[in-house]
Amino acid sequence: MPLVKSLFSKLTCSSQQAVNIDSSNSNHVIENSEIISTNHSSLSSTQVSINKMYGRCRDFSDKVVLITGSSGGIGLETAKYYARCGAKVVINGRNPVAIAKAAEECQCISPKKYRALQIKADVTKEDDCKRLIENTIDRFGKLDILINNAGAGAFGSIYDPKLLETLERMINLNVKSIAMITQLAVPHLEKTNGIIVNISSTLSFKPNVHFMPYCVAKSAVDMFTKCIALELGPKGIRVNTVNPTAVRTNFQSATGAGEILDGVLKHLEQTNPLRRIGTTEDVVNAIGYLTSSESSFVTGHSLVVDGGSVYV
């Protein structure tokens, strides 16, 4: 997305501080106060251009949004979406430099120049999950929206001698982490009639012999979502998944699938009914819809973002 990068490079911030967050330090949270712009009545021409690219800006003014795995890829684009729509966002990841850069980008496009809260945490570790929720509440006093985005994929088939090891890793990262974070967040989401979106995949529907452990894990995410949607609905909490097909992000490189991604995307472009490759914006807009008032009667649903590849 060279145009997006060009637009962001033109933005100016009242503060350009990059902050490293060391998980070995007892103070894991950067205590940033909000910086309020003196002009709230209008957006810059650059912000207007970004708004056009990402679709219309829903109103998330002063909502507190926690996005796990938000220092890159879909998570980062999601954080920027909420930032430009007026939300106070929590950036989470494991690389403090990437976290600080993501927070800076969010502040640049925030109408009120809110600084994102930066928390380095590994969502597969229970203590880190507790700290992630506790520091969010300490900083903002509430939680409105939880986006469980952190995850990874891996190759594996029934003939793989390390299948069980890979399967355990996929379950820990893609399923157990979501369960831990969600369980800790629910008491706070009950107070705000909050919303949860879990990022799944079309591979929860379509079996793939090369990605079997990932398929299994994402299928579990979908069923976890339906079960807690049933349980939390009476508490006023909605829970849904977004199930995207492959889109080009740094996620695929982290899985080892970078070498075959071009072939996968070319196949998707040639075979899906819309004849194009999905973008991160497509996924982000789906997340935005599921966390807006427009979807107030939608829960327990898997919103597939794939150009019709699965069902058409």
C-alpha atoms as a PDB file:
ATOM      1  CA  MET A   1       0.000   0.000   0.000  1.00  0.00           C
ATOM      2  CA  PRO A   2       2.506   2.638  -1.163  1.00  0.00           C
ATOM      3  CA  LEU A   3      -0.161   5.361  -1.319  1.00  0.00           C
ATOM      4  CA  VAL A   4      -1.119   4.798   2.325  1.00  0.00           C
ATOM      5  CA  LYS A   5       2.541   4.954   3.368  1.00  0.00           C
ATOM      6  CA  SER A   6       2.960   8.164   1.393  1.00  0.00           C
ATOM      7  CA  LEU A   7      -0.051   9.717   3.067  1.00  0.00           C
ATOM      8  CA  PHE A   8       1.106   8.742   6.539  1.00  0.00           C
ATOM      9  CA  SER A   9       4.555  10.141   5.875  1.00  0.00           C
ATOM     10  CA  LYS A  10       2.971  13.568   5.324  1.00  0.00           C
ATOM     11  CA  LEU A  11       1.179  13.582   8.657  1.00  0.00           C
ATOM     12  CA  THR A  12       2.658  15.674  11.441  1.00  0.00           C
ATOM     13  CA  CYS A  13       2.307  14.950  15.136  1.00  0.00           C
ATOM     14  CA  SER A  14       2.716  17.146  18.148  1.00  0.00           C
ATOM     15  CA  SER A  15       4.919  14.391  19.547  1.00  0.00           C
ATOM     16  CA  GLN A  16       7.143  11.935  17.671  1.00  0.00           C
ATOM     17  CA  GLN A  17       8.506  10.030  20.657  1.00  0.00           C
ATOM     18  CA  ALA A  18       9.399   6.382  20.107  1.00  0.00           C
ATOM     19  CA  VAL A  19       9.342   4.457  23.360  1.00  0.00           C
ATOM     20  CA  ASN A  20      10.884   1.100  24.134  1.00  0.00           C
ATOM     21  CA  ILE A  21       8.937  -1.084  26.553  1.00  0.00           C
ATOM     22  CA  ASP A  22      10.974  -3.672  28.419  1.00  0.00           C
ATOM     23  CA  SER A  23       8.965  -6.592  29.787  1.00  0.00           C
ATOM     24  CA  SER A  24      11.643  -7.144  32.424  1.00  0.00           C
ATOM     25  CA  ASN A  25      10.841  -3.738  33.894  1.00  0.00           C
ATOM     26  CA  SER A  26       8.188  -3.624  36.608  1.00  0.00           C
ATOM     27  CA  ASN A  27       6.525  -0.740  34.783  1.00  0.00           C
ATOM     28  CA  HIS A  28       5.284  -2.327  31.563  1.00  0.00           C
ATOM     29  CA  VAL A  29       3.007   0.500  30.510  1.00  0.00           C
ATOM     30  CA  ILE A  30       3.984   3.786  28.998  1.00  0.00           C
ATOM     31  CA  GLU A  31       1.952   6.306  30.971  1.00  0.00           C
ATOM     32  CA  ASN A  32       0.979   8.624  28.141  1.00  0.00           C
ATOM     33  CA  SER A  33      -1.541  11.359  28.780  1.00  0.00           C
ATOM     34  CA  GLU A  34      -3.852  12.259  25.919  1.00  0.00           C
ATOM     35  CA  ILE A  35      -2.770  15.179  23.772  1.00  0.00           C
ATOM     36  CA  ILE A  36      -5.836  17.146  22.769  1.00  0.00           C
ATOM     37  CA  SER A  37      -5.824  18.960  19.455  1.00  0.00           C
ATOM     38  CA  THR A  38      -6.848  22.607  19.562  1.00  0.00           C
ATOM     39  CA  ASN A  39      -8.996  22.111  16.459  1.00  0.00           C
ATOM     40  CA  HIS A  40     -11.578  19.321  16.652  1.00  0.00           C
ATOM     41  CA  SER A  41     -13.947  20.738  14.075  1.00  0.00           C
ATOM     42  CA  SER A  42     -12.227  19.483  10.963  1.00  0.00           C
ATOM     43  CA  LEU A  43      -9.878  16.805   9.702  1.00  0.00           C
ATOM     44  CA  SER A  44      -6.798  17.534   7.634  1.00  0.00           C
ATOM     45  CA  SER A  45      -6.931  16.918   3.890  1.00  0.00           C
ATOM     46  CA  THR A  46      -4.541  14.014   4.424  1.00  0.00           C
ATOM     47  CA  GLN A  47      -6.886  12.419   6.957  1.00  0.00           C
ATOM     48  CA  VAL A  48      -9.800  12.897   4.575  1.00  0.00           C
ATOM     49  CA  SER A  49      -7.837  11.059   1.885  1.00  0.00           C
ATOM     50  CA  ILE A  50      -7.136   8.198   4.288  1.00  0.00           C
ATOM     51  CA  ASN A  51     -10.806   8.084   5.285  1.00  0.00           C
ATOM     52  CA  LYS A  52     -11.800   7.656   1.651  1.00  0.00           C
ATOM     53  CA  MET A  53      -9.404   4.757   1.255  1.00  0.00           C
ATOM     54  CA  TYR A  54     -10.616   2.960   4.367  1.00  0.00           C
ATOM     55  CA  GLY A  55     -14.318   3.640   3.913  1.00  0.00           C
ATOM     56  CA  ARG A  56     -16.449   5.950   5.973  1.00  0.00           C
ATOM     57  CA  CYS A  57     -15.419   6.579   9.542  1.00  0.00           C
ATOM     58  CA  ARG A  58     -17.827   5.143  12.079  1.00  0.00           C
ATOM     59  CA  ASP A  59     -18.072   6.925  15.407  1.00  0.00           C
ATOM     60  CA  PHE A  60     -15.982   5.241  18.092  1.00  0.00           C
ATOM     61  CA  SER A  61     -15.352   8.435  20.036  1.00  0.00           C
ATOM     62  CA  ASP A  62     -13.735   7.718  23.411  1.00  0.00           C
ATOM     63  CA  LYS A  63     -14.285   3.968  23.103  1.00  0.00           C
ATOM     64  CA  VAL A  64     -11.431   1.934  24.582  1.00  0.00           C
ATOM     65  CA  VAL A  65     -10.265  -0.709  22.129  1.00  0.00           C
ATOM     66  CA  LEU A  66      -7.706  -3.409  22.892  1.00  0.00           C
ATOM     67  CA  ILE A  67      -6.243  -5.169  19.853  1.00  0.00           C
ATOM     68  CA  THR A  68      -3.859  -8.047  20.503  1.00  0.00           C
ATOM     69  CA  GLY A  69      -1.057  -8.501  18.012  1.00  0.00           C
ATOM     70  CA  SER A  70      -1.457  -4.938  16.782  1.00  0.00           C
ATOM     71  CA  SER A  71       2.132  -3.922  16.062  1.00  0.00           C
ATOM     72  CA  GLY A  72       1.885  -5.114  12.450  1.00  0.00           C
ATOM     73  CA  GLY A  73      -0.317  -6.600   9.739  1.00  0.00           C
ATOM     74  CA  ILE A  74      -4.089  -6.661  10.107  1.00  0.00           C
ATOM     75  CA  GLY A  75      -3.784  -5.805  13.798  1.00  0.00           C
ATOM     76  CA  LEU A  76      -1.942  -2.570  13.062  1.00  0.00           C
ATOM     77  CA  GLU A  77      -4.395  -1.548  10.352  1.00  0.00           C
ATOM     78  CA  THR A  78      -7.239  -2.274  12.787  1.00  0.00           C
ATOM     79  CA  ALA A  79      -5.643  -0.095  15.462  1.00  0.00           C
ATOM     80  CA  LYS A  80      -5.231   2.756  12.980  1.00  0.00           C
ATOM     81  CA  TYR A  81      -8.859   2.395  11.895  1.00  0.00           C
ATOM     82  CA  TYR A  82     -10.117   2.844  15.460  1.00  0.00           C
ATOM     83  CA  ALA A  83      -7.649   5.656  16.150  1.00  0.00           C
ATOM     84  CA  ARG A  84      -8.883   7.738  13.240  1.00  0.00           C
ATOM     85  CA  CYS A  85     -12.491   7.043  14.326  1.00  0.00           C
ATOM     86  CA  GLY A  86     -11.833   8.650  17.711  1.00  0.00           C
ATOM     87  CA  ALA A  87     -11.122   5.612  19.887  1.00  0.00           C
ATOM     88  CA  LYS A  88      -8.463   5.209  22.547  1.00  0.00           C
ATOM     89  CA  VAL A  89      -6.456   2.197  21.435  1.00  0.00           C
ATOM     90  CA  VAL A  90      -4.176  -0.263  23.175  1.00  0.00           C
ATOM     91  CA  ILE A  91      -1.271  -1.519  21.066  1.00  0.00           C
ATOM     92  CA  ASN A  92       0.042  -4.960  21.974  1.00  0.00           C
ATOM     93  CA  GLY A  93       2.887  -7.017  20.587  1.00  0.00           C
ATOM     94  CA  ARG A  94       6.260  -8.489  21.460  1.00  0.00           C
ATOM     95  CA  ASN A  95       8.563  -6.075  19.632  1.00  0.00           C
ATOM     96  CA  PRO A  96       8.846  -2.775  21.525  1.00  0.00           C
ATOM     97  CA  VAL A  97      10.166  -0.876  18.506  1.00  0.00           C
ATOM     98  CA  ALA A  98       7.237  -2.005  16.346  1.00  0.00           C
ATOM     99  CA  ILE A  99       4.815  -1.216  19.180  1.00  0.00           C
ATOM    100  CA  ALA A 100       6.164   2.320  19.529  1.00  0.00           C
ATOM    101  CA  LYS A 101       5.992   2.896  15.769  1.00  0.00           C
ATOM    102  CA  ALA A 102       2.395   1.646  15.663  1.00  0.00           C
ATOM    103  CA  ALA A 103       1.433   3.932  18.545  1.00  0.00           C
ATOM    104  CA  GLU A 104       2.996   6.905  16.783  1.00  0.00           C
ATOM    105  CA  GLU A 105       1.022   6.180  13.605  1.00  0.00           C
ATOM    106  CA  CYS A 106      -2.194   5.937  15.616  1.00  0.00           C
ATOM    107  CA  GLN A 107      -1.555   9.280  17.287  1.00  0.00           C
ATOM    108  CA  CYS A 108      -0.911  10.908  13.911  1.00  0.00           C
ATOM    109  CA  ILE A 109      -4.390  10.076  12.626  1.00  0.00           C
ATOM    110  CA  SER A 110      -6.319  10.428  15.883  1.00  0.00           C
ATOM    111  CA  PRO A 111      -8.673  13.444  15.615  1.00  0.00           C
ATOM    112  CA  LYS A 112      -7.835  14.388  19.222  1.00  0.00           C
ATOM    113  CA  LYS A 113      -4.232  13.187  18.966  1.00  0.00           C
ATOM    114  CA  TYR A 114      -4.752  10.495  21.601  1.00  0.00           C
ATOM    115  CA  ARG A 115      -1.613   8.539  22.360  1.00  0.00           C
ATOM    116  CA  ALA A 116      -2.125   4.804  22.145  1.00  0.00           C
ATOM    117  CA  LEU A 117      -1.291   2.797  25.231  1.00  0.00           C
ATOM    118  CA  GLN A 118       1.708   0.561  24.505  1.00  0.00           C
ATOM    119  CA  ILE A 119       1.971  -2.819  26.216  1.00  0.00           C
ATOM    120  CA  LYS A 120       4.559  -5.455  25.408  1.00  0.00           C
ATOM    121  CA  ALA A 121       3.007  -8.821  26.265  1.00  0.00           C
ATOM    122  CA  ASP A 122       3.052 -12.426  25.086  1.00  0.00           C
ATOM    123  CA  VAL A 123      -0.581 -13.535  24.933  1.00  0.00           C
ATOM    124  CA  THR A 124       0.384 -17.190  25.392  1.00  0.00           C
ATOM    125  CA  LYS A 125       1.529 -16.386  28.940  1.00  0.00           C
ATOM    126  CA  GLU A 126      -1.108 -16.051  31.651  1.00  0.00           C
ATOM    127  CA  ASP A 127       0.766 -13.400  33.644  1.00  0.00           C
ATOM    128  CA  ASP A 128       1.193 -11.279  30.529  1.00  0.00           C
ATOM    129  CA  CYS A 129      -2.512 -11.605  29.725  1.00  0.00           C
ATOM    130  CA  LYS A 130      -3.405 -10.453  33.233  1.00  0.00           C
ATOM    131  CA  ARG A 131      -1.060  -7.492  32.943  1.00  0.00           C
ATOM    132  CA  LEU A 132      -2.478  -6.570  29.547  1.00  0.00           C
ATOM    133  CA  ILE A 133      -6.021  -6.298  30.901  1.00  0.00           C
ATOM    134  CA  GLU A 134      -5.058  -4.756  34.248  1.00  0.00           C
ATOM    135  CA  ASN A 135      -2.947  -2.024  32.680  1.00  0.00           C
ATOM    136  CA  THR A 136      -5.667  -1.210  30.174  1.00  0.00           C
ATOM    137  CA  ILE A 137      -8.180  -0.736  32.991  1.00  0.00           C
ATOM    138  CA  ASP A 138      -5.681   1.182  35.124  1.00  0.00           C
ATOM    139  CA  ARG A 139      -5.031   3.571  32.261  1.00  0.00           C
ATOM    140  CA  PHE A 140      -8.527   4.078  30.849  1.00  0.00           C
ATOM    141  CA  GLY A 141     -10.892   2.842  33.560  1.00  0.00           C
ATOM    142  CA  LYS A 142     -12.888   0.665  31.174  1.00  0.00           C
ATOM    143  CA  LEU A 143     -12.824  -1.620  28.144  1.00  0.00           C
ATOM    144  CA  ASP A 144     -15.380  -1.362  25.335  1.00  0.00           C
ATOM    145  CA  ILE A 145     -14.028  -3.521  22.525  1.00  0.00           C
ATOM    146  CA  LEU A 146     -11.683  -6.512  22.503  1.00  0.00           C
ATOM    147  CA  ILE A 147     -10.160  -7.623  19.203  1.00  0.00           C
ATOM    148  CA  ASN A 148      -8.401 -10.983  19.592  1.00  0.00           C
ATOM    149  CA  ASN A 149      -6.103 -10.720  16.600  1.00  0.00           C
ATOM    150  CA  ALA A 150      -2.800 -12.248  17.748  1.00  0.00           C
ATOM    151  CA  GLY A 151      -2.103 -15.545  16.044  1.00  0.00           C
ATOM    152  CA  ALA A 152       0.081 -17.434  13.613  1.00  0.00           C
ATOM    153  CA  GLY A 153      -0.072 -20.273  11.125  1.00  0.00           C
ATOM    154  CA  ALA A 154       2.113 -23.299  10.519  1.00  0.00           C
ATOM    155  CA  PHE A 155       2.552 -26.089   8.027  1.00  0.00           C
ATOM    156  CA  GLY A 156       1.682 -29.634   9.081  1.00  0.00           C
ATOM    157  CA  SER A 157       0.024 -32.847   7.876  1.00  0.00           C
ATOM    158  CA  ILE A 158      -0.706 -36.281   9.313  1.00  0.00           C
ATOM    159  CA  TYR A 159       2.673 -37.467   7.997  1.00  0.00           C
ATOM    160  CA  ASP A 160       4.607 -34.751   9.790  1.00  0.00           C
ATOM    161  CA  PRO A 161       6.694 -36.353  12.589  1.00  0.00           C
ATOM    162  CA  LYS A 162       6.359 -33.124  14.593  1.00  0.00           C
ATOM    163  CA  LEU A 163       2.598 -32.849  14.075  1.00  0.00           C
ATOM    164  CA  LEU A 164       1.655 -33.011  17.760  1.00  0.00           C
ATOM    165  CA  GLU A 165       4.224 -30.373  18.642  1.00  0.00           C
ATOM    166  CA  THR A 166       2.941 -28.081  15.900  1.00  0.00           C
ATOM    167  CA  LEU A 167      -0.669 -28.723  16.841  1.00  0.00           C
ATOM    168  CA  GLU A 168       0.002 -27.842  20.481  1.00  0.00           C
ATOM    169  CA  ARG A 169       1.717 -24.620  19.429  1.00  0.00           C
ATOM    170  CA  MET A 170      -1.205 -23.640  17.200  1.00  0.00           C
ATOM    171  CA  ILE A 171      -3.744 -24.356  19.946  1.00  0.00           C
ATOM    172  CA  ASN A 172      -1.752 -22.375  22.515  1.00  0.00           C
ATOM    173  CA  LEU A 173      -1.339 -19.324  20.298  1.00  0.00           C
ATOM    174  CA  ASN A 174      -4.617 -19.289  18.387  1.00  0.00           C
ATOM    175  CA  VAL A 175      -7.087 -20.730  20.908  1.00  0.00           C
ATOM    176  CA  LYS A 176      -5.807 -20.809  24.485  1.00  0.00           C
ATOM    177  CA  SER A 177      -4.563 -17.220  24.299  1.00  0.00           C
ATOM    178  CA  ILE A 178      -7.983 -16.015  23.146  1.00  0.00           C
ATOM    179  CA  ALA A 179      -9.683 -17.907  25.957  1.00  0.00           C
ATOM    180  CA  MET A 180      -7.322 -16.420  28.565  1.00  0.00           C
ATOM    181  CA  ILE A 181      -7.654 -12.827  27.380  1.00  0.00           C
ATOM    182  CA  THR A 182     -11.418 -13.096  26.961  1.00  0.00           C
ATOM    183  CA  GLN A 183     -11.980 -14.603  30.392  1.00  0.00           C
ATOM    184  CA  LEU A 184     -10.017 -11.766  31.983  1.00  0.00           C
ATOM    185  CA  ALA A 185     -11.795  -9.114  29.908  1.00  0.00           C
ATOM    186  CA  VAL A 186     -15.390 -10.278  30.409  1.00  0.00           C
ATOM    187  CA  PRO A 187     -15.955  -8.669  33.855  1.00  0.00           C
ATOM    188  CA  HIS A 188     -15.009  -5.303  32.359  1.00  0.00           C
ATOM    189  CA  LEU A 189     -16.966  -5.813  29.132  1.00  0.00           C
ATOM    190  CA  GLU A 190     -20.088  -6.576  31.182  1.00  0.00           C
ATOM    191  CA  LYS A 191     -19.938  -3.018  32.521  1.00  0.00           C
ATOM    192  CA  THR A 192     -19.850  -1.447  29.053  1.00  0.00           C
ATOM    193  CA  ASN A 193     -22.063  -3.845  27.063  1.00  0.00           C
ATOM    194  CA  GLY A 194     -18.837  -4.591  25.279  1.00  0.00           C
ATOM    195  CA  ILE A 195     -18.015  -6.320  22.030  1.00  0.00           C
ATOM    196  CA  ILE A 196     -15.560  -9.085  21.169  1.00  0.00           C
ATOM    197  CA  VAL A 197     -14.270  -9.913  17.705  1.00  0.00           C
ATOM    198  CA  ASN A 198     -12.033 -12.935  17.241  1.00  0.00           C
ATOM    199  CA  ILE A 199      -9.950 -13.091  14.075  1.00  0.00           C
ATOM    200  CA  SER A 200     -10.295 -16.516  12.513  1.00  0.00           C
ATOM    201  CA  SER A 201      -9.782 -17.717   8.933  1.00  0.00           C
ATOM    202  CA  THR A 202     -11.532 -19.258   5.950  1.00  0.00           C
ATOM    203  CA  LEU A 203      -9.407 -22.311   6.766  1.00  0.00           C
ATOM    204  CA  SER A 204     -11.793 -22.981   9.634  1.00  0.00           C
ATOM    205  CA  PHE A 205     -14.284 -23.927   6.892  1.00  0.00           C
ATOM    206  CA  LYS A 206     -12.029 -25.254   4.120  1.00  0.00           C
ATOM    207  CA  PRO A 207      -9.716 -28.163   4.999  1.00  0.00           C
ATOM    208  CA  ASN A 208      -6.140 -27.883   3.803  1.00  0.00           C
ATOM    209  CA  VAL A 209      -3.774 -30.832   4.154  1.00  0.00           C
ATOM    210  CA  HIS A 210      -0.738 -28.548   4.308  1.00  0.00           C
ATOM    211  CA  PHE A 211      -2.091 -26.334   7.106  1.00  0.00           C
ATOM    212  CA  MET A 212      -3.969 -28.940   9.129  1.00  0.00           C
ATOM    213  CA  PRO A 213      -2.891 -27.704  12.625  1.00  0.00           C
ATOM    214  CA  TYR A 214      -3.928 -24.162  11.715  1.00  0.00           C
ATOM    215  CA  CYS A 215      -7.271 -25.353  10.318  1.00  0.00           C
ATOM    216  CA  VAL A 216      -7.969 -27.235  13.548  1.00  0.00           C
ATOM    217  CA  ALA A 217      -7.080 -24.232  15.707  1.00  0.00           C
ATOM    218  CA  LYS A 218      -9.205 -21.771  13.754  1.00  0.00           C
ATOM    219  CA  SER A 219     -12.166 -24.174  13.778  1.00  0.00           C
ATOM    220  CA  ALA A 220     -11.859 -24.155  17.560  1.00  0.00           C
ATOM    221  CA  VAL A 221     -11.870 -20.338  17.566  1.00  0.00           C
ATOM    222  CA  ASP A 222     -15.156 -20.323  15.643  1.00  0.00           C
ATOM    223  CA  MET A 223     -16.840 -22.726  18.055  1.00  0.00           C
ATOM    224  CA  PHE A 224     -15.432 -20.902  21.090  1.00  0.00           C
ATOM    225  CA  THR A 225     -16.974 -17.732  19.677  1.00  0.00           C
ATOM    226  CA  LYS A 226     -20.400 -19.316  19.242  1.00  0.00           C
ATOM    227  CA  CYS A 227     -20.363 -20.825  22.738  1.00  0.00           C
ATOM    228  CA  ILE A 228     -19.453 -17.617  24.530  1.00  0.00           C
ATOM    229  CA  ALA A 229     -21.837 -15.602  22.341  1.00  0.00           C
ATOM    230  CA  LEU A 230     -24.597 -17.837  23.689  1.00  0.00           C
ATOM    231  CA  GLU A 231     -23.378 -17.427  27.262  1.00  0.00           C
ATOM    232  CA  LEU A 232     -22.578 -13.706  27.199  1.00  0.00           C
ATOM    233  CA  GLY A 233     -25.531 -12.485  25.146  1.00  0.00           C
ATOM    234  CA  PRO A 234     -27.770 -12.098  28.217  1.00  0.00           C
ATOM    235  CA  LYS A 235     -24.980  -9.982  29.758  1.00  0.00           C
ATOM    236  CA  GLY A 236     -25.159  -7.556  26.837  1.00  0.00           C
ATOM    237  CA  ILE A 237     -21.908  -8.679  25.210  1.00  0.00           C
ATOM    238  CA  ARG A 238     -21.780  -9.525  21.510  1.00  0.00           C
ATOM    239  CA  VAL A 239     -19.155 -11.936  20.155  1.00  0.00           C
ATOM    240  CA  ASN A 240     -18.343 -12.622  16.500  1.00  0.00           C
ATOM    241  CA  THR A 241     -15.501 -13.758  14.284  1.00  0.00           C
ATOM    242  CA  VAL A 242     -14.066 -12.324  11.108  1.00  0.00           C
ATOM    243  CA  ASN A 243     -12.832 -15.071   8.784  1.00  0.00           C
ATOM    244  CA  PRO A 244     -10.567 -13.605   6.093  1.00  0.00           C
ATOM    245  CA  THR A 245      -8.923 -15.427   3.250  1.00  0.00           C
ATOM    246  CA  ALA A 246      -5.242 -14.796   2.527  1.00  0.00           C
ATOM    247  CA  VAL A 247      -4.326 -11.131   2.181  1.00  0.00           C
ATOM    248  CA  ARG A 248      -0.836  -9.784   1.764  1.00  0.00           C
ATOM    249  CA  THR A 249       0.671  -8.868   5.159  1.00  0.00           C
ATOM    250  CA  ASN A 250       3.879  -9.644   7.049  1.00  0.00           C
ATOM    251  CA  PHE A 251       1.944 -12.488   8.734  1.00  0.00           C
ATOM    252  CA  GLN A 252       2.635 -14.930   5.907  1.00  0.00           C
ATOM    253  CA  SER A 253       6.377 -14.351   6.084  1.00  0.00           C
ATOM    254  CA  ALA A 254       6.300 -15.141   9.800  1.00  0.00           C
ATOM    255  CA  THR A 255       4.614 -18.484   9.094  1.00  0.00           C
ATOM    256  CA  GLY A 256       7.176 -19.567   6.517  1.00  0.00           C
ATOM    257  CA  ALA A 257       4.541 -19.320   3.795  1.00  0.00           C
ATOM    258  CA  GLY A 258       6.024 -16.247   2.157  1.00  0.00           C
ATOM    259  CA  GLU A 259       7.559 -18.212  -0.721  1.00  0.00           C
ATOM    260  CA  ILE A 260       4.233 -19.660  -1.836  1.00  0.00           C
ATOM    261  CA  LEU A 261       2.081 -16.609  -1.079  1.00  0.00           C
ATOM    262  CA  ASP A 262       2.277 -15.200  -4.593  1.00  0.00           C
ATOM    263  CA  GLY A 263       0.932 -18.455  -6.007  1.00  0.00           C
ATOM    264  CA  VAL A 264      -1.850 -18.613  -3.436  1.00  0.00           C
ATOM    265  CA  LEU A 265      -2.925 -15.031  -4.066  1.00  0.00           C
ATOM    266  CA  LYS A 266      -2.798 -15.510  -7.829  1.00  0.00           C
ATOM    267  CA  HIS A 267      -5.016 -18.590  -7.517  1.00  0.00           C
ATOM    268  CA  LEU A 268      -7.489 -16.706  -5.307  1.00  0.00           C
ATOM    269  CA  GLU A 269      -7.597 -13.796  -7.717  1.00  0.00           C
ATOM    270  CA  GLN A 270      -8.333 -16.094 -10.649  1.00  0.00           C
ATOM    271  CA  THR A 271     -10.940 -18.262  -8.921  1.00  0.00           C
ATOM    272  CA  ASN A 272     -13.025 -16.118  -6.561  1.00  0.00           C
ATOM    273  CA  PRO A 273     -16.151 -14.513  -8.037  1.00  0.00           C
ATOM    274  CA  LEU A 274     -14.883 -10.951  -7.530  1.00  0.00           C
ATOM    275  CA  ARG A 275     -11.596 -11.695  -9.329  1.00  0.00           C
ATOM    276  CA  ARG A 276      -9.368  -9.690  -7.038  1.00  0.00           C
ATOM    277  CA  ILE A 277      -7.109 -10.198  -4.048  1.00  0.00           C
ATOM    278  CA  GLY A 278      -8.421  -9.245  -0.628  1.00  0.00           C
ATOM    279  CA  THR A 279      -6.839  -6.326   1.204  1.00  0.00           C
ATOM    280  CA  THR A 280      -6.267  -5.510   4.848  1.00  0.00           C
ATOM    281  CA  GLU A 281      -8.842  -2.741   4.418  1.00  0.00           C
ATOM    282  CA  ASP A 282     -11.466  -5.343   3.495  1.00  0.00           C
ATOM    283  CA  VAL A 283     -10.794  -7.160   6.758  1.00  0.00           C
ATOM    284  CA  VAL A 284     -10.641  -3.996   8.868  1.00  0.00           C
ATOM    285  CA  ASN A 285     -13.952  -2.731   7.513  1.00  0.00           C
ATOM    286  CA  ALA A 286     -15.585  -6.036   8.479  1.00  0.00           C
ATOM    287  CA  ILE A 287     -14.201  -5.699  12.005  1.00  0.00           C
ATOM    288  CA  GLY A 288     -15.457  -2.125  12.162  1.00  0.00           C
ATOM    289  CA  TYR A 289     -18.947  -3.209  11.150  1.00  0.00           C
ATOM    290  CA  LEU A 290     -19.122  -5.948  13.790  1.00  0.00           C
ATOM    291  CA  THR A 291     -18.108  -3.512  16.534  1.00  0.00           C
ATOM    292  CA  SER A 292     -20.501  -0.765  15.465  1.00  0.00           C
ATOM    293  CA  SER A 293     -24.143  -0.117  16.308  1.00  0.00           C
ATOM    294  CA  GLU A 294     -25.020  -1.231  12.780  1.00  0.00           C
ATOM    295  CA  SER A 295     -24.511  -4.843  13.883  1.00  0.00           C
ATOM    296  CA  SER A 296     -26.295  -4.543  17.234  1.00  0.00           C
ATOM    297  CA  PHE A 297     -28.418  -7.636  16.482  1.00  0.00           C
ATOM    298  CA  VAL A 298     -25.510  -9.759  15.228  1.00  0.00           C
ATOM    299  CA  THR A 299     -23.753 -12.219  17.538  1.00  0.00           C
ATOM    300  CA  GLY A 300     -22.287 -15.697  17.266  1.00  0.00           C
ATOM    301  CA  HIS A 301     -21.643 -15.048  13.584  1.00  0.00           C
ATOM    302  CA  SER A 302     -18.625 -15.793  11.389  1.00  0.00           C
ATOM    303  CA  LEU A 303     -18.244 -13.003   8.842  1.00  0.00           C
ATOM    304  CA  VAL A 304     -16.322 -14.429   5.904  1.00  0.00           C
ATOM    305  CA  VAL A 305     -14.193 -11.932   3.970  1.00  0.00           C
ATOM    306  CA  ASP A 306     -13.016 -13.855   0.929  1.00  0.00           C
ATOM    307  CA  GLY A 307     -14.590 -12.544  -2.261  1.00  0.00           C
ATOM    308  CA  GLY A 308     -16.951 -15.509  -2.321  1.00  0.00           C
ATOM    309  CA  SER A 309     -14.291 -18.238  -2.323  1.00  0.00           C
ATOM    310  CA  VAL A 310     -15.887 -20.422   0.348  1.00  0.00           C
ATOM    311  CA  TYR A 311     -19.607 -20.316  -0.332  1.00  0.00           C
ATOM    312  CA  VAL A 312     -19.938 -19.382  -4.006  1.00  0.00           C
END
